[in-house]
Amino acid sequence: MRFFIVFFSLFFSITAIAQTEVSLPSINMGVGVGPSYGLMGVKAVLGKNDSGMVIGLGSFMGEVFAYSYGYQMTIESFYLNLVMGNVIAVKINNNPIEALKGGGLFLGKMFNFGSGNFYIDVSVGHTFGVEKTSYYEREFSNDGFSFNLGLNYRLFNK
């Protein structure tokens, strides 16, 4: 008897959920340059209304893999983006290029064109907490000004 009660409760719950309209989260995919794009690569924003979790994957000059992750908050066409991961690439002397870890805070704007699903994303900001590099026994800070520039497309946008 308990089995039938549980079974019919689940059946009616699933049927009710299936008949309601479920809104899909928007997914923004783009290619570009900057810390949010894994230095040179792709960026995805998973959430609602261009806000949500940011994931960037890329490489720098085809030599080093880079990634970033964080959060983006959008108000109209302006956004604030906070990312962590590989935010800068450096080459010292004849050593290979290194992608250094740190964080970045960016303020940007989305410029829509075409159908409204395509947009250009431009942002400027500051990187922080980046590992220091040594050059002739002197340490240099790698924190500083940075930017993102990319071409993006909104999927499941209503």
N, C-alpha and C. Protein backbone atom coordinates (compact mmCIF):
# COMPACT_ATOMS: atom_id res chain seq x y z
N MET A 1 0.82 -1.19 0.00
CA MET A 1 0.00 0.00 0.00
C MET A 1 0.87 1.27 0.00
N ARG A 2 1.93 1.28 0.83
CA ARG A 2 2.83 2.44 0.86
C ARG A 2 3.48 2.65 -0.50
N PHE A 3 3.83 1.56 -1.14
CA PHE A 3 4.46 1.64 -2.46
C PHE A 3 3.55 2.39 -3.43
N PHE A 4 2.27 2.05 -3.46
CA PHE A 4 1.34 2.69 -4.38
C PHE A 4 1.15 4.17 -4.05
N ILE A 5 1.12 4.51 -2.77
CA ILE A 5 0.99 5.91 -2.38
C ILE A 5 2.21 6.70 -2.84
N VAL A 6 3.41 6.17 -2.59
CA VAL A 6 4.64 6.84 -3.01
C VAL A 6 4.70 6.92 -4.53
N PHE A 7 4.37 5.82 -5.21
CA PHE A 7 4.42 5.77 -6.67
C PHE A 7 3.48 6.80 -7.29
N PHE A 8 2.22 6.84 -6.83
CA PHE A 8 1.26 7.78 -7.40
C PHE A 8 1.60 9.23 -7.03
N SER A 9 2.17 9.46 -5.85
CA SER A 9 2.60 10.81 -5.47
C SER A 9 3.70 11.29 -6.41
N LEU A 10 4.69 10.43 -6.64
CA LEU A 10 5.77 10.78 -7.57
C LEU A 10 5.23 10.96 -8.99
N PHE A 11 4.35 10.08 -9.42
CA PHE A 11 3.80 10.17 -10.77
C PHE A 11 3.06 11.49 -10.98
N PHE A 12 2.20 11.87 -10.03
CA PHE A 12 1.46 13.12 -10.17
C PHE A 12 2.38 14.35 -10.05
N SER A 13 3.41 14.25 -9.21
CA SER A 13 4.37 15.36 -9.10
C SER A 13 5.12 15.56 -10.40
N ILE A 14 5.61 14.47 -10.97
CA ILE A 14 6.35 14.55 -12.24
C ILE A 14 5.45 15.05 -13.36
N THR A 15 4.21 14.59 -13.39
CA THR A 15 3.26 15.04 -14.41
C THR A 15 2.98 16.53 -14.27
N ALA A 16 2.80 17.02 -13.04
CA ALA A 16 2.54 18.44 -12.82
C ALA A 16 3.75 19.28 -13.22
N ILE A 17 4.95 18.82 -12.89
CA ILE A 17 6.17 19.56 -13.26
C ILE A 17 6.34 19.58 -14.77
N ALA A 18 6.05 18.47 -15.43
CA ALA A 18 6.22 18.38 -16.88
C ALA A 18 5.26 19.31 -17.61
N GLN A 19 4.12 19.62 -17.01
CA GLN A 19 3.14 20.48 -17.68
C GLN A 19 3.38 21.96 -17.43
N THR A 20 4.25 22.30 -16.49
CA THR A 20 4.56 23.71 -16.25
C THR A 20 5.68 24.14 -17.18
N GLU A 21 5.70 25.41 -17.50
CA GLU A 21 6.75 25.94 -18.38
C GLU A 21 8.00 26.20 -17.56
N VAL A 22 9.08 25.57 -17.92
CA VAL A 22 10.35 25.72 -17.22
C VAL A 22 11.22 26.65 -18.06
N SER A 23 11.73 27.70 -17.45
CA SER A 23 12.59 28.60 -18.21
C SER A 23 14.03 28.12 -18.09
N LEU A 24 14.67 28.02 -19.23
CA LEU A 24 16.07 27.61 -19.26
C LEU A 24 16.96 28.79 -18.89
N PRO A 25 18.08 28.52 -18.21
CA PRO A 25 19.01 29.61 -17.94
C PRO A 25 19.67 30.04 -19.25
N SER A 26 20.03 31.30 -19.33
CA SER A 26 20.71 31.75 -20.53
C SER A 26 22.18 31.34 -20.44
N ILE A 27 22.74 31.04 -21.58
CA ILE A 27 24.15 30.68 -21.67
C ILE A 27 24.76 31.62 -22.70
N ASN A 28 25.77 32.35 -22.30
CA ASN A 28 26.48 33.23 -23.21
C ASN A 28 27.82 32.59 -23.54
N MET A 29 28.09 32.42 -24.83
CA MET A 29 29.36 31.84 -25.28
C MET A 29 30.08 32.88 -26.11
N GLY A 30 31.41 32.96 -25.93
CA GLY A 30 32.15 33.95 -26.69
C GLY A 30 33.61 33.58 -26.87
N VAL A 31 34.24 34.26 -27.81
CA VAL A 31 35.67 34.13 -28.04
C VAL A 31 36.29 35.51 -27.85
N GLY A 32 37.49 35.55 -27.28
CA GLY A 32 38.11 36.84 -27.06
C GLY A 32 39.45 36.74 -26.38
N VAL A 33 39.92 37.89 -25.91
CA VAL A 33 41.19 37.98 -25.21
C VAL A 33 40.97 38.64 -23.86
N GLY A 34 41.79 38.26 -22.89
CA GLY A 34 41.73 38.83 -21.56
C GLY A 34 41.58 37.75 -20.51
N PRO A 35 41.74 38.12 -19.25
CA PRO A 35 41.66 37.14 -18.17
C PRO A 35 40.35 36.36 -18.11
N SER A 36 39.23 37.00 -18.45
CA SER A 36 37.94 36.29 -18.42
C SER A 36 37.83 35.24 -19.52
N TYR A 37 38.65 35.36 -20.55
CA TYR A 37 38.64 34.43 -21.68
C TYR A 37 39.79 33.43 -21.61
N GLY A 38 40.37 33.21 -20.43
CA GLY A 38 41.51 32.31 -20.34
C GLY A 38 42.68 32.85 -21.15
N LEU A 39 42.92 34.15 -21.08
CA LEU A 39 43.94 34.91 -21.80
C LEU A 39 43.61 35.05 -23.28
N MET A 40 43.53 33.95 -24.04
CA MET A 40 43.07 33.98 -25.44
C MET A 40 42.25 32.72 -25.63
N GLY A 41 40.93 32.84 -25.65
CA GLY A 41 40.13 31.63 -25.75
C GLY A 41 38.65 31.88 -25.72
N VAL A 42 37.94 31.05 -24.96
CA VAL A 42 36.48 31.11 -24.91
C VAL A 42 36.01 31.44 -23.50
N LYS A 43 34.82 32.05 -23.44
CA LYS A 43 34.21 32.39 -22.15
C LYS A 43 32.76 31.95 -22.19
N ALA A 44 32.26 31.42 -21.09
CA ALA A 44 30.85 31.06 -20.96
C ALA A 44 30.31 31.71 -19.69
N VAL A 45 29.13 32.29 -19.80
CA VAL A 45 28.42 32.83 -18.63
C VAL A 45 27.14 32.02 -18.51
N LEU A 46 26.97 31.33 -17.38
CA LEU A 46 25.82 30.47 -17.15
C LEU A 46 24.95 31.10 -16.08
N GLY A 47 23.75 31.52 -16.44
CA GLY A 47 22.86 32.15 -15.46
C GLY A 47 21.67 32.79 -16.11
N LYS A 48 21.14 33.80 -15.49
CA LYS A 48 19.96 34.52 -15.98
C LYS A 48 20.34 35.96 -16.32
N ASN A 49 19.79 36.48 -17.41
CA ASN A 49 19.96 37.89 -17.79
C ASN A 49 21.42 38.32 -17.86
N ASP A 50 22.26 37.52 -18.45
CA ASP A 50 23.68 37.81 -18.64
C ASP A 50 24.47 37.83 -17.33
N SER A 51 23.88 37.44 -16.23
CA SER A 51 24.57 37.34 -14.95
C SER A 51 24.73 35.87 -14.59
N GLY A 52 25.78 35.55 -13.85
CA GLY A 52 25.96 34.18 -13.41
C GLY A 52 27.41 33.78 -13.33
N MET A 53 27.62 32.47 -13.34
CA MET A 53 28.96 31.91 -13.21
C MET A 53 29.73 32.08 -14.52
N VAL A 54 30.99 32.47 -14.42
CA VAL A 54 31.86 32.68 -15.57
C VAL A 54 32.91 31.58 -15.60
N ILE A 55 33.11 30.99 -16.78
CA ILE A 55 34.18 30.00 -16.98
C ILE A 55 34.92 30.39 -18.26
N GLY A 56 36.24 30.52 -18.16
CA GLY A 56 37.06 30.85 -19.33
C GLY A 56 38.14 29.81 -19.52
N LEU A 57 38.33 29.37 -20.76
CA LEU A 57 39.38 28.41 -21.10
C LEU A 57 40.13 28.91 -22.32
N GLY A 58 41.44 28.81 -22.29
CA GLY A 58 42.21 29.27 -23.43
C GLY A 58 43.67 28.94 -23.30
N SER A 59 44.46 29.63 -24.09
CA SER A 59 45.91 29.47 -24.03
C SER A 59 46.52 30.81 -24.40
N PHE A 60 47.82 30.92 -24.23
CA PHE A 60 48.50 32.14 -24.61
C PHE A 60 49.55 31.80 -25.63
N MET A 61 49.38 32.32 -26.83
CA MET A 61 50.30 32.09 -27.94
C MET A 61 50.49 30.61 -28.23
N GLY A 62 49.50 29.80 -27.88
CA GLY A 62 49.56 28.37 -28.13
C GLY A 62 50.57 27.63 -27.29
N GLU A 63 51.16 28.30 -26.30
CA GLU A 63 52.23 27.68 -25.51
C GLU A 63 51.79 27.21 -24.13
N VAL A 64 50.83 27.89 -23.53
CA VAL A 64 50.47 27.58 -22.15
C VAL A 64 48.94 27.58 -22.00
N PHE A 65 48.40 26.57 -21.31
CA PHE A 65 46.96 26.47 -21.04
C PHE A 65 46.61 27.45 -19.93
N ALA A 66 45.46 28.10 -20.06
CA ALA A 66 45.00 29.05 -19.05
C ALA A 66 43.50 28.87 -18.80
N TYR A 67 43.08 29.18 -17.60
CA TYR A 67 41.66 29.06 -17.23
C TYR A 67 41.29 30.20 -16.30
N SER A 68 40.01 30.45 -16.20
CA SER A 68 39.50 31.41 -15.20
C SER A 68 38.08 30.99 -14.82
N TYR A 69 37.67 31.40 -13.66
CA TYR A 69 36.31 31.13 -13.18
C TYR A 69 35.92 32.26 -12.25
N GLY A 70 34.63 32.50 -12.14
CA GLY A 70 34.19 33.57 -11.27
C GLY A 70 32.71 33.85 -11.41
N TYR A 71 32.34 35.11 -11.20
CA TYR A 71 30.94 35.52 -11.23
C TYR A 71 30.82 36.85 -11.97
N GLN A 72 29.72 36.99 -12.70
CA GLN A 72 29.42 38.22 -13.41
C GLN A 72 28.03 38.70 -13.03
N MET A 73 27.92 39.99 -12.68
CA MET A 73 26.63 40.58 -12.35
C MET A 73 26.35 41.68 -13.37
N THR A 74 25.20 41.58 -14.04
CA THR A 74 24.86 42.51 -15.11
C THR A 74 23.64 43.34 -14.74
N ILE A 75 23.73 44.64 -15.01
CA ILE A 75 22.60 45.54 -14.87
C ILE A 75 22.47 46.26 -16.21
N GLU A 76 21.36 45.97 -16.91
CA GLU A 76 21.14 46.43 -18.28
C GLU A 76 22.31 45.96 -19.14
N SER A 77 23.09 46.87 -19.73
CA SER A 77 24.20 46.42 -20.58
C SER A 77 25.55 46.57 -19.91
N PHE A 78 25.58 46.99 -18.65
CA PHE A 78 26.83 47.12 -17.90
C PHE A 78 27.00 45.91 -16.99
N TYR A 79 28.24 45.53 -16.76
CA TYR A 79 28.47 44.39 -15.88
C TYR A 79 29.73 44.54 -15.05
N LEU A 80 29.73 43.83 -13.93
CA LEU A 80 30.87 43.72 -13.03
C LEU A 80 31.27 42.25 -13.03
N ASN A 81 32.54 41.99 -13.28
CA ASN A 81 33.03 40.63 -13.45
C ASN A 81 34.19 40.41 -12.50
N LEU A 82 34.11 39.38 -11.66
CA LEU A 82 35.18 39.01 -10.75
C LEU A 82 35.64 37.61 -11.12
N VAL A 83 36.91 37.47 -11.51
CA VAL A 83 37.44 36.17 -11.91
C VAL A 83 38.70 35.83 -11.13
N MET A 84 38.94 34.53 -11.03
CA MET A 84 40.17 33.99 -10.44
C MET A 84 40.74 33.01 -11.45
N GLY A 85 42.04 32.78 -11.38
CA GLY A 85 42.67 31.82 -12.29
C GLY A 85 43.90 32.42 -12.91
N ASN A 86 44.19 32.04 -14.15
CA ASN A 86 45.35 32.57 -14.86
C ASN A 86 44.96 33.92 -15.46
N VAL A 87 45.52 35.00 -14.90
CA VAL A 87 45.13 36.34 -15.34
C VAL A 87 46.21 37.07 -16.11
N ILE A 88 47.41 36.52 -16.15
CA ILE A 88 48.50 37.20 -16.86
C ILE A 88 49.50 36.15 -17.35
N ALA A 89 50.16 36.45 -18.45
CA ALA A 89 51.22 35.58 -18.97
C ALA A 89 52.51 36.38 -19.04
N VAL A 90 53.61 35.78 -18.59
CA VAL A 90 54.90 36.47 -18.62
C VAL A 90 55.96 35.57 -19.24
N LYS A 91 56.98 36.21 -19.82
CA LYS A 91 58.14 35.51 -20.35
C LYS A 91 59.37 36.24 -19.84
N ILE A 92 60.20 35.53 -19.11
CA ILE A 92 61.41 36.13 -18.56
C ILE A 92 62.61 35.45 -19.20
N ASN A 93 63.48 36.27 -19.78
CA ASN A 93 64.68 35.78 -20.48
C ASN A 93 64.30 34.75 -21.52
N ASN A 94 64.97 33.64 -21.54
CA ASN A 94 64.70 32.58 -22.52
C ASN A 94 63.80 31.49 -21.95
N ASN A 95 63.24 31.72 -20.77
CA ASN A 95 62.34 30.74 -20.16
C ASN A 95 61.03 30.68 -20.95
N PRO A 96 60.32 29.55 -20.86
CA PRO A 96 59.03 29.48 -21.54
C PRO A 96 58.01 30.44 -20.91
N ILE A 97 56.97 30.75 -21.66
CA ILE A 97 55.91 31.62 -21.17
C ILE A 97 55.20 30.92 -20.01
N GLU A 98 54.91 31.68 -18.96
CA GLU A 98 54.18 31.16 -17.80
C GLU A 98 52.86 31.91 -17.64
N ALA A 99 51.80 31.19 -17.31
CA ALA A 99 50.51 31.81 -16.98
C ALA A 99 50.44 31.89 -15.46
N LEU A 100 50.38 33.10 -14.92
CA LEU A 100 50.39 33.30 -13.47
C LEU A 100 48.97 33.40 -12.93
N LYS A 101 48.79 32.85 -11.74
CA LYS A 101 47.46 32.84 -11.11
C LYS A 101 47.25 34.10 -10.29
N GLY A 102 45.99 34.50 -10.22
CA GLY A 102 45.60 35.66 -9.44
C GLY A 102 44.12 35.91 -9.61
N GLY A 103 43.72 37.14 -9.42
CA GLY A 103 42.33 37.51 -9.57
C GLY A 103 42.20 38.78 -10.39
N GLY A 104 40.99 39.06 -10.81
CA GLY A 104 40.74 40.28 -11.58
C GLY A 104 39.33 40.78 -11.34
N LEU A 105 39.19 42.09 -11.26
CA LEU A 105 37.89 42.73 -11.11
C LEU A 105 37.72 43.68 -12.29
N PHE A 106 36.65 43.48 -13.07
CA PHE A 106 36.46 44.21 -14.31
C PHE A 106 35.08 44.86 -14.37
N LEU A 107 35.04 46.05 -14.95
CA LEU A 107 33.79 46.75 -15.22
C LEU A 107 33.67 46.84 -16.73
N GLY A 108 32.54 46.40 -17.27
CA GLY A 108 32.42 46.35 -18.72
C GLY A 108 31.07 46.73 -19.24
N LYS A 109 30.99 46.75 -20.57
CA LYS A 109 29.75 47.06 -21.27
C LYS A 109 29.58 46.09 -22.43
N MET A 110 28.32 45.71 -22.67
CA MET A 110 27.98 44.84 -23.79
C MET A 110 27.33 45.70 -24.87
N PHE A 111 27.88 45.64 -26.07
CA PHE A 111 27.34 46.38 -27.21
C PHE A 111 26.62 45.40 -28.12
N ASN A 112 25.27 45.42 -28.09
CA ASN A 112 24.47 44.52 -28.92
C ASN A 112 24.50 44.94 -30.37
N PHE A 113 24.43 43.96 -31.26
CA PHE A 113 24.26 44.25 -32.67
C PHE A 113 23.57 43.07 -33.33
N GLY A 114 23.04 43.31 -34.52
CA GLY A 114 22.33 42.25 -35.23
C GLY A 114 21.02 41.91 -34.55
N SER A 115 20.79 40.63 -34.33
CA SER A 115 19.53 40.13 -33.77
C SER A 115 19.36 40.46 -32.29
N GLY A 116 20.39 40.98 -31.65
CA GLY A 116 20.33 41.23 -30.21
C GLY A 116 20.96 40.11 -29.42
N ASN A 117 21.15 38.94 -30.05
CA ASN A 117 21.81 37.83 -29.37
C ASN A 117 23.32 37.93 -29.50
N PHE A 118 23.81 38.60 -30.53
CA PHE A 118 25.24 38.82 -30.67
C PHE A 118 25.61 40.12 -29.96
N TYR A 119 26.76 40.14 -29.29
CA TYR A 119 27.22 41.37 -28.67
C TYR A 119 28.74 41.35 -28.53
N ILE A 120 29.29 42.55 -28.51
CA ILE A 120 30.73 42.73 -28.25
C ILE A 120 30.85 43.11 -26.79
N ASP A 121 31.78 42.50 -26.12
CA ASP A 121 31.98 42.68 -24.69
C ASP A 121 33.33 43.37 -24.49
N VAL A 122 33.33 44.54 -23.86
CA VAL A 122 34.54 45.29 -23.60
C VAL A 122 34.58 45.62 -22.12
N SER A 123 35.69 45.32 -21.46
CA SER A 123 35.80 45.65 -20.05
C SER A 123 37.23 46.02 -19.69
N VAL A 124 37.36 46.85 -18.68
CA VAL A 124 38.66 47.23 -18.14
C VAL A 124 38.63 46.94 -16.64
N GLY A 125 39.81 46.67 -16.11
CA GLY A 125 39.85 46.37 -14.69
C GLY A 125 41.27 46.26 -14.16
N HIS A 126 41.37 45.62 -13.03
CA HIS A 126 42.64 45.50 -12.32
C HIS A 126 42.85 44.06 -11.90
N THR A 127 44.05 43.55 -12.11
CA THR A 127 44.39 42.22 -11.62
C THR A 127 45.05 42.38 -10.25
N PHE A 128 44.87 41.39 -9.39
CA PHE A 128 45.41 41.46 -8.04
C PHE A 128 45.83 40.08 -7.57
N GLY A 129 46.71 40.06 -6.58
CA GLY A 129 47.14 38.79 -5.98
C GLY A 129 47.94 37.91 -6.91
N VAL A 130 48.51 38.50 -7.96
CA VAL A 130 49.27 37.71 -8.93
C VAL A 130 50.64 37.38 -8.35
N GLU A 131 51.10 36.15 -8.63
CA GLU A 131 52.41 35.72 -8.14
C GLU A 131 53.48 36.69 -8.63
N LYS A 132 54.48 36.91 -7.80
CA LYS A 132 55.58 37.78 -8.19
C LYS A 132 56.58 37.00 -9.03
N THR A 133 57.27 37.68 -9.90
CA THR A 133 58.31 37.04 -10.71
C THR A 133 59.66 37.65 -10.35
N SER A 134 60.68 36.86 -10.49
CA SER A 134 62.04 37.31 -10.18
C SER A 134 62.81 37.51 -11.48
N TYR A 135 63.58 38.57 -11.50
CA TYR A 135 64.40 38.88 -12.66
C TYR A 135 65.69 39.49 -12.12
N TYR A 136 66.78 38.81 -12.30
CA TYR A 136 68.08 39.25 -11.74
C TYR A 136 67.96 39.54 -10.26
N GLU A 137 67.39 38.58 -9.53
CA GLU A 137 67.26 38.61 -8.07
C GLU A 137 66.40 39.77 -7.56
N ARG A 138 65.61 40.39 -8.40
CA ARG A 138 64.65 41.40 -7.97
C ARG A 138 63.26 40.85 -8.22
N GLU A 139 62.35 41.11 -7.30
CA GLU A 139 60.97 40.65 -7.48
C GLU A 139 60.13 41.78 -8.06
N PHE A 140 59.28 41.42 -9.01
CA PHE A 140 58.39 42.38 -9.65
C PHE A 140 56.94 41.97 -9.41
N SER A 141 56.12 42.96 -9.08
CA SER A 141 54.69 42.71 -8.92
C SER A 141 54.06 42.66 -10.31
N ASN A 142 53.14 41.73 -10.51
CA ASN A 142 52.44 41.61 -11.79
C ASN A 142 51.00 42.09 -11.71
N ASP A 143 50.63 42.74 -10.58
CA ASP A 143 49.30 43.32 -10.47
C ASP A 143 49.23 44.56 -11.36
N GLY A 144 48.06 44.85 -11.88
CA GLY A 144 47.94 46.07 -12.67
C GLY A 144 46.72 46.09 -13.56
N PHE A 145 46.71 47.05 -14.48
CA PHE A 145 45.61 47.27 -15.42
C PHE A 145 45.50 46.09 -16.38
N SER A 146 44.26 45.73 -16.71
CA SER A 146 44.02 44.67 -17.68
C SER A 146 42.69 44.94 -18.39
N PHE A 147 42.39 44.18 -19.43
CA PHE A 147 41.16 44.38 -20.19
C PHE A 147 40.68 43.05 -20.75
N ASN A 148 39.42 43.02 -21.15
CA ASN A 148 38.80 41.90 -21.86
C ASN A 148 38.13 42.46 -23.11
N LEU A 149 38.20 41.71 -24.20
CA LEU A 149 37.54 42.09 -25.43
C LEU A 149 37.09 40.82 -26.12
N GLY A 150 35.78 40.72 -26.44
CA GLY A 150 35.30 39.49 -27.05
C GLY A 150 34.03 39.66 -27.84
N LEU A 151 33.77 38.66 -28.67
CA LEU A 151 32.54 38.56 -29.45
C LEU A 151 31.74 37.41 -28.85
N ASN A 152 30.50 37.68 -28.46
CA ASN A 152 29.69 36.69 -27.73
C ASN A 152 28.33 36.47 -28.37
N TYR A 153 27.70 35.34 -28.00
CA TYR A 153 26.36 35.00 -28.47
C TYR A 153 25.54 34.46 -27.30
N ARG A 154 24.29 34.92 -27.18
CA ARG A 154 23.39 34.46 -26.12
C ARG A 154 22.57 33.28 -26.63
N LEU A 155 22.64 32.15 -25.93
CA LEU A 155 21.82 31.00 -26.22
C LEU A 155 20.61 30.99 -25.28
N PHE A 156 19.50 30.49 -25.73
CA PHE A 156 18.26 30.39 -24.93
C PHE A 156 17.81 31.74 -24.41
N ASN A 157 18.07 32.81 -25.14
CA ASN A 157 17.67 34.14 -24.72
C ASN A 157 16.26 34.41 -25.18
N LYS A 158 15.40 34.88 -24.28
CA LYS A 158 14.01 35.17 -24.64
C LYS A 158 13.79 36.64 -24.78
